[in-house]
């Protein structure tokens, strides 16, 4: 991880202050390594953290990504992707 990321983490910058949804991919080519748990750089404490691959199933078809984003913007408590 980068020095900027580590410094942000040290100063409590990886926690939400408002309702937040983090939608990310486990196959990102620029931010590595990625994980769908609290060790990944896309994970934000207190947020709804959604890895596309976890939400979209084994076939990795992500055509409903729009629904994930719309659900987050609509502030729906039950995202329906568990």
Protein backbone atom coordinates (compact mmCIF):
# COMPACT_ATOMS: atom_id res chain seq x y z
CA UNK A 1 0.00 0.00 0.00
CA UNK A 2 1.13 3.54 -0.58
CA UNK A 3 2.53 5.90 2.01
CA UNK A 4 -0.50 8.18 1.51
CA UNK A 5 -2.91 5.30 2.16
CA UNK A 6 -0.99 4.23 5.27
CA UNK A 7 -0.89 7.78 6.66
CA UNK A 8 -4.62 8.19 6.02
CA UNK A 9 -5.29 4.92 7.85
CA UNK A 10 -3.11 5.96 10.80
CA UNK A 11 -5.08 9.21 11.18
CA UNK A 12 -8.53 7.58 11.17
CA UNK A 13 -9.31 8.53 7.58
CA UNK A 14 -10.71 5.12 6.68
CA UNK A 15 -13.95 5.48 8.63
CA UNK A 16 -17.24 6.88 7.41
CA UNK A 17 -18.67 10.12 8.75
CA UNK A 18 -21.89 9.88 6.71
CA UNK A 19 -23.81 6.88 5.27
CA UNK A 20 -21.47 5.48 2.62
CA UNK A 21 -21.42 2.62 0.11
CA UNK A 22 -18.17 1.34 -1.37
CA UNK A 23 -18.65 -0.69 -4.58
CA UNK A 24 -15.42 -2.17 -5.91
CA UNK A 25 -13.97 -5.02 -7.93
CA UNK A 26 -11.61 -7.71 -6.73
CA UNK A 27 -9.95 -7.61 -10.15
CA UNK A 28 -8.79 -3.99 -10.09
CA UNK A 29 -5.64 -3.56 -12.16
CA UNK A 30 -4.42 -0.40 -10.41
CA UNK A 31 -5.11 -0.86 -6.69
CA UNK A 32 -3.67 -4.16 -5.56
CA UNK A 33 -4.09 -6.31 -3.58
CA UNK A 34 -7.86 -6.04 -3.29
CA UNK A 35 -9.93 -8.03 -0.80
CA UNK A 36 -13.59 -8.13 0.13
CA UNK A 37 -12.76 -7.95 3.82
CA UNK A 38 -11.29 -5.34 6.14
CA UNK A 39 -7.76 -5.91 4.82
CA UNK A 40 -8.53 -4.51 1.35
CA UNK A 41 -7.87 -0.87 0.46
CA UNK A 42 -11.45 -0.42 -0.84
CA UNK A 43 -12.91 -1.45 2.53
CA UNK A 44 -14.28 1.45 4.56
CA UNK A 45 -15.17 0.95 8.22
CA UNK A 46 -18.85 1.73 8.84
CA UNK A 47 -19.77 1.59 5.15
CA UNK A 48 -21.69 -0.92 3.08
CA UNK A 49 -18.72 -2.57 1.37
CA UNK A 50 -19.77 -4.47 -1.76
CA UNK A 51 -17.32 -6.38 -3.92
CA UNK A 52 -18.90 -6.77 -7.36
CA UNK A 53 -17.80 -10.40 -7.52
CA UNK A 54 -19.46 -11.18 -4.17
CA UNK A 55 -22.73 -9.52 -5.20
CA UNK A 56 -22.89 -10.83 -8.76
CA UNK A 57 -22.30 -14.52 -8.18
CA UNK A 58 -19.92 -17.09 -9.57
CA UNK A 59 -20.40 -16.22 -13.25
CA UNK A 60 -19.13 -12.69 -12.60
CA UNK A 61 -21.89 -11.11 -14.70
CA UNK A 62 -22.01 -7.50 -13.53
CA UNK A 63 -24.87 -6.18 -15.61
CA UNK A 64 -26.79 -5.23 -12.46
CA UNK A 65 -24.07 -2.89 -11.15
CA UNK A 66 -26.47 -0.03 -11.88
CA UNK A 67 -28.96 -1.55 -9.42
CA UNK A 68 -26.28 -1.65 -6.70
CA UNK A 69 -25.45 2.01 -7.21
CA UNK A 70 -29.10 3.08 -7.44
CA UNK A 71 -29.90 1.18 -4.25
CA UNK A 72 -27.06 2.96 -2.43
CA UNK A 73 -28.20 6.35 -3.69
CA UNK A 74 -31.79 5.61 -2.66
CA UNK A 75 -30.51 4.90 0.88
CA UNK A 76 -32.25 1.52 1.01
CA UNK A 77 -31.44 -0.45 4.14
CA UNK A 78 -31.96 -3.85 2.51
CA UNK A 79 -29.84 -3.92 -0.63
CA UNK A 80 -31.12 -7.42 -1.47
CA UNK A 81 -27.74 -8.74 -2.61
CA UNK A 82 -26.85 -10.98 0.34
